[in-house]
Amino acid sequence: MSTTQSDRLRGLLEPLVSAEGLDLEDIEVSRAGKRRMLRITVDSDDGVELDTCAELSRAISEKLDETDAMGEDEYVLEVGSPGADRPLTEHRHYVRATGRLVKLQFNDTDDTDAAEELIARILTVDDEGLDLEVPGVKGRKPKARRVAFAEIAKARVEIEFNRKDKKEEEA
């Protein structure tokens, strides 16, 4: 049974990433002219600091130099965290987005071409789905809504420029 290069890299690099207390979110190998690009995306419940990315980049580079995982060709290594608009695909992504405004696109439940969308704030997350607060329209009070993970086709965090930070709310 053959494994892809991404699978081999994941097996090689996941222990390094885990040792830093991070989750290995994605590995992408692509071409950039004559060189290859290796993009490693990491995250944690508390986010990822730039210094942590730099330290991890050095450790990954050393590990890759010790092995032939990238072959003999030149490559560029990038280690970073996911952007604010990254898709929510794993249970842990929804947990990390608790308290944030998200845009959900639902699986097509009828014969219409338009999939239903909803912008709401995640209140809680459990194994089956999400408890949401749907903002009220035209001065009405927000409403609670329960959504099962099976209903969700796509989800992304909505960027809020006037959102209060958790630390500000606790103070």
N, C-alpha and C. Protein backbone atom coordinates (compact mmCIF):
# COMPACT_ATOMS: atom_id res chain seq x y z
N MET A 1 0.85 -1.18 0.00
CA MET A 1 0.00 0.00 0.00
C MET A 1 0.89 1.23 0.00
N SER A 2 0.76 2.07 -1.00
CA SER A 2 1.60 3.26 -1.07
C SER A 2 0.91 4.43 -0.37
N THR A 3 1.73 5.28 0.18
CA THR A 3 1.20 6.47 0.83
C THR A 3 1.64 7.69 0.03
N THR A 4 0.87 8.73 0.08
CA THR A 4 1.23 9.95 -0.63
C THR A 4 2.34 10.67 0.12
N GLN A 5 2.97 11.63 -0.55
CA GLN A 5 4.03 12.39 0.09
C GLN A 5 3.50 13.16 1.30
N SER A 6 2.28 13.69 1.19
CA SER A 6 1.68 14.41 2.32
C SER A 6 1.49 13.50 3.52
N ASP A 7 1.08 12.24 3.27
CA ASP A 7 0.92 11.29 4.37
C ASP A 7 2.26 10.98 5.03
N ARG A 8 3.29 10.79 4.21
CA ARG A 8 4.63 10.51 4.77
C ARG A 8 5.12 11.72 5.58
N LEU A 9 4.92 12.91 5.03
CA LEU A 9 5.33 14.12 5.75
C LEU A 9 4.55 14.28 7.05
N ARG A 10 3.25 13.99 7.01
CA ARG A 10 2.43 14.09 8.23
C ARG A 10 2.98 13.17 9.31
N GLY A 11 3.28 11.93 8.95
CA GLY A 11 3.83 10.98 9.91
C GLY A 11 5.16 11.42 10.47
N LEU A 12 5.98 12.07 9.66
CA LEU A 12 7.29 12.53 10.07
C LEU A 12 7.22 13.78 10.95
N LEU A 13 6.30 14.70 10.60
CA LEU A 13 6.29 16.01 11.24
C LEU A 13 5.30 16.14 12.40
N GLU A 14 4.29 15.30 12.44
CA GLU A 14 3.28 15.43 13.49
C GLU A 14 3.87 15.36 14.90
N PRO A 15 4.84 14.46 15.17
CA PRO A 15 5.43 14.46 16.52
C PRO A 15 6.13 15.78 16.88
N LEU A 16 6.78 16.42 15.90
CA LEU A 16 7.43 17.71 16.17
C LEU A 16 6.40 18.78 16.51
N VAL A 17 5.33 18.79 15.76
CA VAL A 17 4.28 19.79 15.96
C VAL A 17 3.58 19.54 17.31
N SER A 18 3.27 18.29 17.60
CA SER A 18 2.61 17.94 18.87
C SER A 18 3.49 18.29 20.06
N ALA A 19 4.80 18.14 19.92
CA ALA A 19 5.72 18.46 21.02
C ALA A 19 5.65 19.94 21.38
N GLU A 20 5.25 20.78 20.44
CA GLU A 20 5.08 22.22 20.70
C GLU A 20 3.69 22.54 21.24
N GLY A 21 2.85 21.51 21.41
CA GLY A 21 1.48 21.72 21.90
C GLY A 21 0.55 22.24 20.82
N LEU A 22 0.87 21.93 19.56
CA LEU A 22 0.08 22.41 18.42
C LEU A 22 -0.56 21.26 17.67
N ASP A 23 -1.55 21.60 16.86
CA ASP A 23 -2.19 20.63 15.97
C ASP A 23 -1.67 20.87 14.56
N LEU A 24 -1.34 19.80 13.86
CA LEU A 24 -0.94 19.89 12.46
C LEU A 24 -2.21 19.92 11.63
N GLU A 25 -2.56 21.09 11.12
CA GLU A 25 -3.82 21.26 10.40
C GLU A 25 -3.73 20.85 8.94
N ASP A 26 -2.63 21.22 8.28
CA ASP A 26 -2.56 20.96 6.85
C ASP A 26 -1.11 20.90 6.39
N ILE A 27 -0.88 20.08 5.37
CA ILE A 27 0.40 20.02 4.68
C ILE A 27 0.08 20.16 3.20
N GLU A 28 0.73 21.11 2.56
CA GLU A 28 0.50 21.33 1.13
C GLU A 28 1.84 21.39 0.42
N VAL A 29 2.00 20.53 -0.59
CA VAL A 29 3.19 20.55 -1.43
C VAL A 29 2.74 21.01 -2.81
N SER A 30 3.37 22.08 -3.32
CA SER A 30 2.99 22.59 -4.63
C SER A 30 4.23 23.09 -5.36
N ARG A 31 4.07 23.39 -6.63
CA ARG A 31 5.15 23.92 -7.46
C ARG A 31 5.10 25.44 -7.48
N ALA A 32 6.28 26.06 -7.44
CA ALA A 32 6.41 27.51 -7.60
C ALA A 32 7.58 27.72 -8.55
N GLY A 33 7.30 27.67 -9.84
CA GLY A 33 8.36 27.73 -10.84
C GLY A 33 9.15 26.43 -10.81
N LYS A 34 10.47 26.54 -10.69
CA LYS A 34 11.32 25.34 -10.65
C LYS A 34 11.35 24.72 -9.26
N ARG A 35 11.01 25.51 -8.27
CA ARG A 35 11.05 25.02 -6.88
C ARG A 35 9.70 24.47 -6.46
N ARG A 36 9.75 23.75 -5.37
CA ARG A 36 8.51 23.29 -4.74
C ARG A 36 8.28 24.10 -3.48
N MET A 37 7.01 24.23 -3.11
CA MET A 37 6.62 24.91 -1.88
C MET A 37 6.07 23.86 -0.92
N LEU A 38 6.53 23.90 0.31
CA LEU A 38 5.98 23.05 1.36
C LEU A 38 5.38 23.98 2.40
N ARG A 39 4.05 23.99 2.47
CA ARG A 39 3.34 24.84 3.43
C ARG A 39 2.79 23.96 4.54
N ILE A 40 3.18 24.28 5.76
CA ILE A 40 2.73 23.57 6.95
C ILE A 40 1.84 24.53 7.73
N THR A 41 0.62 24.12 8.01
CA THR A 41 -0.31 24.96 8.77
C THR A 41 -0.54 24.30 10.13
N VAL A 42 -0.31 25.08 11.19
CA VAL A 42 -0.47 24.59 12.56
C VAL A 42 -1.41 25.53 13.31
N ASP A 43 -2.01 25.01 14.38
CA ASP A 43 -2.93 25.82 15.19
C ASP A 43 -3.01 25.24 16.59
N SER A 44 -3.61 25.99 17.49
CA SER A 44 -3.86 25.51 18.85
C SER A 44 -5.08 26.24 19.40
N ASP A 45 -5.55 25.81 20.54
CA ASP A 45 -6.70 26.46 21.16
C ASP A 45 -6.41 27.91 21.50
N ASP A 46 -5.14 28.24 21.75
CA ASP A 46 -4.75 29.59 22.12
C ASP A 46 -4.14 30.37 20.97
N GLY A 47 -4.23 29.83 19.76
CA GLY A 47 -3.60 30.48 18.61
C GLY A 47 -2.13 30.11 18.54
N VAL A 48 -1.42 30.71 17.59
CA VAL A 48 -0.01 30.40 17.38
C VAL A 48 0.76 31.71 17.29
N GLU A 49 1.81 31.82 18.07
CA GLU A 49 2.64 33.02 18.04
C GLU A 49 3.70 32.90 16.95
N LEU A 50 4.14 34.03 16.46
CA LEU A 50 5.13 34.08 15.40
C LEU A 50 6.43 33.39 15.81
N ASP A 51 6.87 33.60 17.04
CA ASP A 51 8.10 32.96 17.52
C ASP A 51 7.98 31.44 17.51
N THR A 52 6.80 30.94 17.85
CA THR A 52 6.57 29.50 17.83
C THR A 52 6.67 28.96 16.41
N CYS A 53 6.12 29.69 15.45
CA CYS A 53 6.22 29.29 14.04
C CYS A 53 7.67 29.26 13.60
N ALA A 54 8.47 30.25 14.02
CA ALA A 54 9.88 30.31 13.63
C ALA A 54 10.65 29.14 14.22
N GLU A 55 10.43 28.84 15.51
CA GLU A 55 11.11 27.71 16.16
C GLU A 55 10.72 26.40 15.49
N LEU A 56 9.44 26.25 15.22
CA LEU A 56 8.95 25.03 14.59
C LEU A 56 9.50 24.90 13.17
N SER A 57 9.61 26.00 12.46
CA SER A 57 10.17 25.99 11.11
C SER A 57 11.61 25.47 11.13
N ARG A 58 12.40 25.93 12.09
CA ARG A 58 13.78 25.45 12.20
C ARG A 58 13.82 23.95 12.50
N ALA A 59 12.97 23.50 13.43
CA ALA A 59 12.95 22.08 13.79
C ALA A 59 12.51 21.22 12.60
N ILE A 60 11.50 21.68 11.86
CA ILE A 60 11.01 20.94 10.69
C ILE A 60 12.10 20.90 9.62
N SER A 61 12.76 22.02 9.40
CA SER A 61 13.82 22.09 8.40
C SER A 61 14.94 21.09 8.72
N GLU A 62 15.35 21.03 10.00
CA GLU A 62 16.38 20.07 10.42
C GLU A 62 15.92 18.64 10.17
N LYS A 63 14.67 18.35 10.53
CA LYS A 63 14.13 17.00 10.36
C LYS A 63 14.09 16.62 8.88
N LEU A 64 13.67 17.54 8.04
CA LEU A 64 13.59 17.25 6.60
C LEU A 64 14.98 17.08 6.00
N ASP A 65 15.98 17.83 6.52
CA ASP A 65 17.35 17.69 6.04
C ASP A 65 17.93 16.32 6.41
N GLU A 66 17.49 15.75 7.55
CA GLU A 66 17.97 14.44 8.00
C GLU A 66 17.39 13.30 7.17
N THR A 67 16.25 13.54 6.55
CA THR A 67 15.56 12.48 5.81
C THR A 67 15.50 12.84 4.32
N ASP A 68 14.96 11.93 3.54
CA ASP A 68 14.79 12.21 2.11
C ASP A 68 13.32 12.47 1.78
N ALA A 69 12.57 12.93 2.77
CA ALA A 69 11.12 13.11 2.60
C ALA A 69 10.78 14.10 1.48
N MET A 70 11.63 15.09 1.25
CA MET A 70 11.38 16.07 0.18
C MET A 70 12.24 15.80 -1.05
N GLY A 71 13.03 14.74 -1.02
CA GLY A 71 13.86 14.42 -2.17
C GLY A 71 15.05 15.36 -2.27
N GLU A 72 15.69 15.37 -3.43
CA GLU A 72 16.89 16.17 -3.64
C GLU A 72 16.59 17.56 -4.20
N ASP A 73 15.40 17.77 -4.74
CA ASP A 73 15.06 19.06 -5.34
C ASP A 73 14.94 20.16 -4.29
N GLU A 74 15.18 21.41 -4.73
CA GLU A 74 15.02 22.55 -3.84
C GLU A 74 13.55 22.74 -3.48
N TYR A 75 13.32 23.27 -2.30
CA TYR A 75 11.96 23.59 -1.89
C TYR A 75 12.01 24.77 -0.92
N VAL A 76 10.87 25.44 -0.81
CA VAL A 76 10.71 26.55 0.13
C VAL A 76 9.77 26.06 1.22
N LEU A 77 10.15 26.25 2.47
CA LEU A 77 9.33 25.83 3.60
C LEU A 77 8.64 27.04 4.21
N GLU A 78 7.34 26.93 4.39
CA GLU A 78 6.56 27.96 5.09
C GLU A 78 5.80 27.28 6.22
N VAL A 79 5.94 27.82 7.42
CA VAL A 79 5.18 27.33 8.57
C VAL A 79 4.35 28.50 9.08
N GLY A 80 3.05 28.30 9.19
CA GLY A 80 2.18 29.38 9.64
C GLY A 80 0.91 28.85 10.26
N SER A 81 0.09 29.79 10.68
CA SER A 81 -1.20 29.45 11.25
C SER A 81 -2.28 29.71 10.21
N PRO A 82 -3.45 29.11 10.37
CA PRO A 82 -4.52 29.34 9.40
C PRO A 82 -5.01 30.78 9.48
N GLY A 83 -5.46 31.30 8.38
CA GLY A 83 -5.98 32.66 8.37
C GLY A 83 -7.31 32.75 9.08
N ALA A 84 -7.73 33.96 9.29
CA ALA A 84 -9.00 34.20 9.99
C ALA A 84 -10.19 33.66 9.21
N ASP A 85 -10.04 33.54 7.90
CA ASP A 85 -11.17 33.10 7.08
C ASP A 85 -11.10 31.63 6.68
N ARG A 86 -10.30 30.87 7.39
CA ARG A 86 -10.16 29.47 7.03
C ARG A 86 -11.46 28.71 7.30
N PRO A 87 -11.72 27.67 6.53
CA PRO A 87 -12.94 26.90 6.74
C PRO A 87 -12.89 26.13 8.07
N LEU A 88 -14.04 25.99 8.68
CA LEU A 88 -14.18 25.18 9.88
C LEU A 88 -14.56 23.77 9.41
N THR A 89 -13.65 22.82 9.58
CA THR A 89 -13.89 21.48 9.07
C THR A 89 -13.83 20.40 10.15
N GLU A 90 -13.16 20.69 11.24
CA GLU A 90 -13.00 19.71 12.32
C GLU A 90 -13.76 20.17 13.56
N HIS A 91 -14.11 19.23 14.41
CA HIS A 91 -14.80 19.55 15.66
C HIS A 91 -14.02 20.60 16.45
N ARG A 92 -12.70 20.45 16.52
CA ARG A 92 -11.87 21.39 17.30
C ARG A 92 -11.92 22.80 16.72
N HIS A 93 -12.14 22.93 15.41
CA HIS A 93 -12.25 24.26 14.81
C HIS A 93 -13.48 24.99 15.34
N TYR A 94 -14.60 24.26 15.47
CA TYR A 94 -15.82 24.86 16.00
C TYR A 94 -15.65 25.22 17.47
N VAL A 95 -14.99 24.35 18.23
CA VAL A 95 -14.74 24.63 19.66
C VAL A 95 -13.92 25.91 19.79
N ARG A 96 -12.88 26.05 18.95
CA ARG A 96 -12.03 27.25 19.00
C ARG A 96 -12.79 28.50 18.57
N ALA A 97 -13.85 28.32 17.80
CA ALA A 97 -14.63 29.46 17.32
C ALA A 97 -15.80 29.81 18.25
N THR A 98 -15.90 29.14 19.38
CA THR A 98 -16.97 29.44 20.33
C THR A 98 -16.90 30.92 20.72
N GLY A 99 -18.06 31.58 20.66
CA GLY A 99 -18.13 33.01 20.95
C GLY A 99 -17.96 33.88 19.72
N ARG A 100 -17.57 33.27 18.61
CA ARG A 100 -17.34 34.01 17.37
C ARG A 100 -18.56 33.94 16.46
N LEU A 101 -18.66 34.91 15.58
CA LEU A 101 -19.70 34.94 14.56
C LEU A 101 -19.23 34.07 13.40
N VAL A 102 -20.09 33.18 12.92
CA VAL A 102 -19.74 32.29 11.81
C VAL A 102 -20.79 32.36 10.72
N LYS A 103 -20.36 32.07 9.52
CA LYS A 103 -21.27 31.97 8.38
C LYS A 103 -21.38 30.49 8.03
N LEU A 104 -22.58 29.96 8.13
CA LEU A 104 -22.83 28.55 7.85
C LEU A 104 -23.58 28.42 6.54
N GLN A 105 -23.17 27.47 5.74
CA GLN A 105 -23.91 27.12 4.54
C GLN A 105 -24.37 25.68 4.74
N PHE A 106 -25.66 25.48 4.55
CA PHE A 106 -26.25 24.18 4.86
C PHE A 106 -26.30 23.29 3.63
N ASN A 107 -26.33 21.98 3.89
CA ASN A 107 -26.52 21.02 2.82
C ASN A 107 -27.85 21.29 2.15
N ASP A 108 -27.92 21.07 0.86
CA ASP A 108 -29.15 21.30 0.10
C ASP A 108 -30.21 20.32 0.58
N THR A 109 -31.27 20.84 1.20
CA THR A 109 -32.31 19.99 1.76
C THR A 109 -33.55 19.89 0.88
N ASP A 110 -33.61 20.73 -0.16
CA ASP A 110 -34.74 20.65 -1.08
C ASP A 110 -34.23 20.78 -2.52
N ASP A 111 -35.12 20.98 -3.46
CA ASP A 111 -34.73 20.99 -4.86
C ASP A 111 -34.32 22.36 -5.38
N THR A 112 -34.15 23.34 -4.53
CA THR A 112 -33.74 24.66 -5.00
C THR A 112 -32.23 24.67 -5.22
N ASP A 113 -31.79 25.57 -6.08
CA ASP A 113 -30.36 25.67 -6.36
C ASP A 113 -29.60 26.41 -5.27
N ALA A 114 -30.28 27.28 -4.55
CA ALA A 114 -29.63 28.09 -3.52
C ALA A 114 -29.57 27.33 -2.20
N ALA A 115 -28.36 27.17 -1.69
CA ALA A 115 -28.21 26.55 -0.37
C ALA A 115 -28.48 27.61 0.69
N GLU A 116 -29.11 27.21 1.77
CA GLU A 116 -29.43 28.14 2.84
C GLU A 116 -28.14 28.56 3.55
N GLU A 117 -28.05 29.85 3.89
CA GLU A 117 -26.93 30.37 4.65
C GLU A 117 -27.44 31.03 5.92
N LEU A 118 -26.58 31.04 6.93
CA LEU A 118 -26.94 31.64 8.20
C LEU A 118 -25.69 32.24 8.82
N ILE A 119 -25.82 33.45 9.36
CA ILE A 119 -24.73 34.06 10.12
C ILE A 119 -25.22 34.11 11.56
N ALA A 120 -24.44 33.49 12.44
CA ALA A 120 -24.83 33.39 13.85
C ALA A 120 -23.59 33.24 14.72
N ARG A 121 -23.76 33.43 16.01
CA ARG A 121 -22.66 33.30 16.97
C ARG A 121 -22.73 31.92 17.62
N ILE A 122 -21.57 31.25 17.69
CA ILE A 122 -21.50 29.93 18.33
C ILE A 122 -21.50 30.13 19.84
N LEU A 123 -22.49 29.53 20.50
CA LEU A 123 -22.56 29.60 21.97
C LEU A 123 -21.88 28.39 22.61
N THR A 124 -22.25 27.20 22.14
CA THR A 124 -21.65 25.97 22.65
C THR A 124 -21.49 24.96 21.53
N VAL A 125 -20.59 24.02 21.75
CA VAL A 125 -20.33 22.95 20.79
C VAL A 125 -20.30 21.64 21.56
N ASP A 126 -20.98 20.62 21.03
CA ASP A 126 -20.89 19.28 21.60
C ASP A 126 -20.61 18.30 20.47
N ASP A 127 -20.69 17.02 20.75
CA ASP A 127 -20.35 16.01 19.74
C ASP A 127 -21.33 15.97 18.57
N GLU A 128 -22.56 16.41 18.77
CA GLU A 128 -23.57 16.33 17.71
C GLU A 128 -23.70 17.61 16.89
N GLY A 129 -23.41 18.76 17.49
CA GLY A 129 -23.62 19.99 16.74
C GLY A 129 -23.34 21.25 17.54
N LEU A 130 -24.02 22.33 17.12
CA LEU A 130 -23.77 23.66 17.67
C LEU A 130 -25.04 24.27 18.23
N ASP A 131 -24.90 25.02 19.31
CA ASP A 131 -25.96 25.89 19.78
C ASP A 131 -25.56 27.29 19.36
N LEU A 132 -26.46 27.95 18.62
CA LEU A 132 -26.16 29.24 18.03
C LEU A 132 -27.08 30.33 18.56
N GLU A 133 -26.59 31.56 18.47
CA GLU A 133 -27.40 32.74 18.73
C GLU A 133 -27.51 33.48 17.40
N VAL A 134 -28.73 33.50 16.86
CA VAL A 134 -28.98 34.16 15.59
C VAL A 134 -29.38 35.61 15.89
N PRO A 135 -28.62 36.57 15.36
CA PRO A 135 -28.93 37.98 15.65
C PRO A 135 -30.35 38.34 15.21
N GLY A 136 -31.00 39.18 16.00
CA GLY A 136 -32.33 39.65 15.65
C GLY A 136 -32.27 40.67 14.53
N VAL A 137 -33.33 40.75 13.77
CA VAL A 137 -33.40 41.69 12.65
C VAL A 137 -34.27 42.87 13.05
N LYS A 138 -33.82 44.07 12.72
CA LYS A 138 -34.57 45.31 12.96
C LYS A 138 -35.01 45.45 14.42
N GLY A 139 -34.06 45.34 15.33
CA GLY A 139 -34.34 45.57 16.74
C GLY A 139 -34.93 44.40 17.49
N ARG A 140 -35.18 43.31 16.83
CA ARG A 140 -35.73 42.13 17.53
C ARG A 140 -34.63 41.43 18.30
N LYS A 141 -35.04 40.66 19.30
CA LYS A 141 -34.10 39.94 20.14
C LYS A 141 -33.47 38.78 19.36
N PRO A 142 -32.23 38.43 19.73
CA PRO A 142 -31.60 37.27 19.10
C PRO A 142 -32.38 36.00 19.44
N LYS A 143 -32.27 35.01 18.55
CA LYS A 143 -32.95 33.73 18.76
C LYS A 143 -31.92 32.61 18.87
N ALA A 144 -32.25 31.60 19.66
CA ALA A 144 -31.40 30.42 19.78
C ALA A 144 -31.74 29.44 18.66
N ARG A 145 -30.73 28.75 18.18
CA ARG A 145 -30.95 27.73 17.15
C ARG A 145 -29.94 26.61 17.34
N ARG A 146 -30.39 25.41 17.15
CA ARG A 146 -29.53 24.22 17.24
C ARG A 146 -29.27 23.72 15.82
N VAL A 147 -28.01 23.43 15.49
CA VAL A 147 -27.64 22.92 14.18
C VAL A 147 -26.77 21.69 14.37
N ALA A 148 -27.13 20.61 13.70
CA ALA A 148 -26.33 19.38 13.74
C ALA A 148 -25.19 19.50 12.73
N PHE A 149 -24.05 18.89 13.05
CA PHE A 149 -22.92 18.93 12.13
C PHE A 149 -23.28 18.36 10.76
N ALA A 150 -24.14 17.36 10.72
CA ALA A 150 -24.53 16.72 9.46
C ALA A 150 -25.26 17.69 8.53
N GLU A 151 -25.84 18.75 9.08
CA GLU A 151 -26.56 19.74 8.26
C GLU A 151 -25.62 20.75 7.59
N ILE A 152 -24.40 20.86 8.08
CA ILE A 152 -23.48 21.91 7.63
C ILE A 152 -22.67 21.45 6.43
N ALA A 153 -22.75 22.22 5.34
CA ALA A 153 -21.94 21.95 4.16
C ALA A 153 -20.61 22.71 4.25
N LYS A 154 -20.66 23.98 4.66
CA LYS A 154 -19.46 24.82 4.79
C LYS A 154 -19.65 25.75 5.97
N ALA A 155 -18.54 26.11 6.59
CA ALA A 155 -18.58 27.08 7.69
C ALA A 155 -17.28 27.85 7.74
N ARG A 156 -17.39 29.15 8.03
CA ARG A 156 -16.23 30.04 8.17
C ARG A 156 -16.52 31.05 9.28
N VAL A 157 -15.46 31.47 9.94
CA VAL A 157 -15.58 32.55 10.93
C VAL A 157 -15.75 33.85 10.16
N GLU A 158 -16.66 34.67 10.60
CA GLU A 158 -16.85 36.01 10.04
C GLU A 158 -15.95 36.97 10.81
N ILE A 159 -15.25 37.79 10.10
CA ILE A 159 -14.35 38.75 10.74
C ILE A 159 -15.20 39.91 11.28
N GLU A 160 -15.00 40.21 12.57
CA GLU A 160 -15.73 41.29 13.23
C GLU A 160 -14.71 42.36 13.63
N PHE A 161 -14.86 43.54 13.08
CA PHE A 161 -13.92 44.61 13.40
C PHE A 161 -14.24 45.28 14.72
N ASN A 162 -15.47 45.18 15.19
CA ASN A 162 -15.84 45.82 16.46
C ASN A 162 -16.08 44.80 17.56
N ARG A 163 -15.61 43.60 17.38
CA ARG A 163 -15.79 42.53 18.37
C ARG A 163 -14.91 42.77 19.58
N LYS A 164 -15.49 42.61 20.76
CA LYS A 164 -14.71 42.74 21.98
C LYS A 164 -13.93 41.46 22.21
N ASP A 165 -12.67 41.62 22.61
CA ASP A 165 -11.82 40.49 22.91
C ASP A 165 -12.30 39.85 24.21
N LYS A 166 -12.07 38.55 24.36
CA LYS A 166 -12.46 37.83 25.58
C LYS A 166 -11.86 38.49 26.81
N LYS A 167 -10.60 38.95 26.70
CA LYS A 167 -9.93 39.58 27.84
C LYS A 167 -10.62 40.87 28.24
N GLU A 168 -11.10 41.63 27.24
CA GLU A 168 -11.82 42.87 27.53
C GLU A 168 -13.14 42.60 28.23
N GLU A 169 -13.83 41.52 27.78
CA GLU A 169 -15.13 41.19 28.36
C GLU A 169 -14.98 40.73 29.80
N GLU A 170 -13.86 40.03 30.13
CA GLU A 170 -13.65 39.54 31.48
C GLU A 170 -13.28 40.66 32.44
N ALA A 171 -12.71 41.73 31.94
CA ALA A 171 -12.24 42.82 32.80
C ALA A 171 -13.37 43.65 33.34
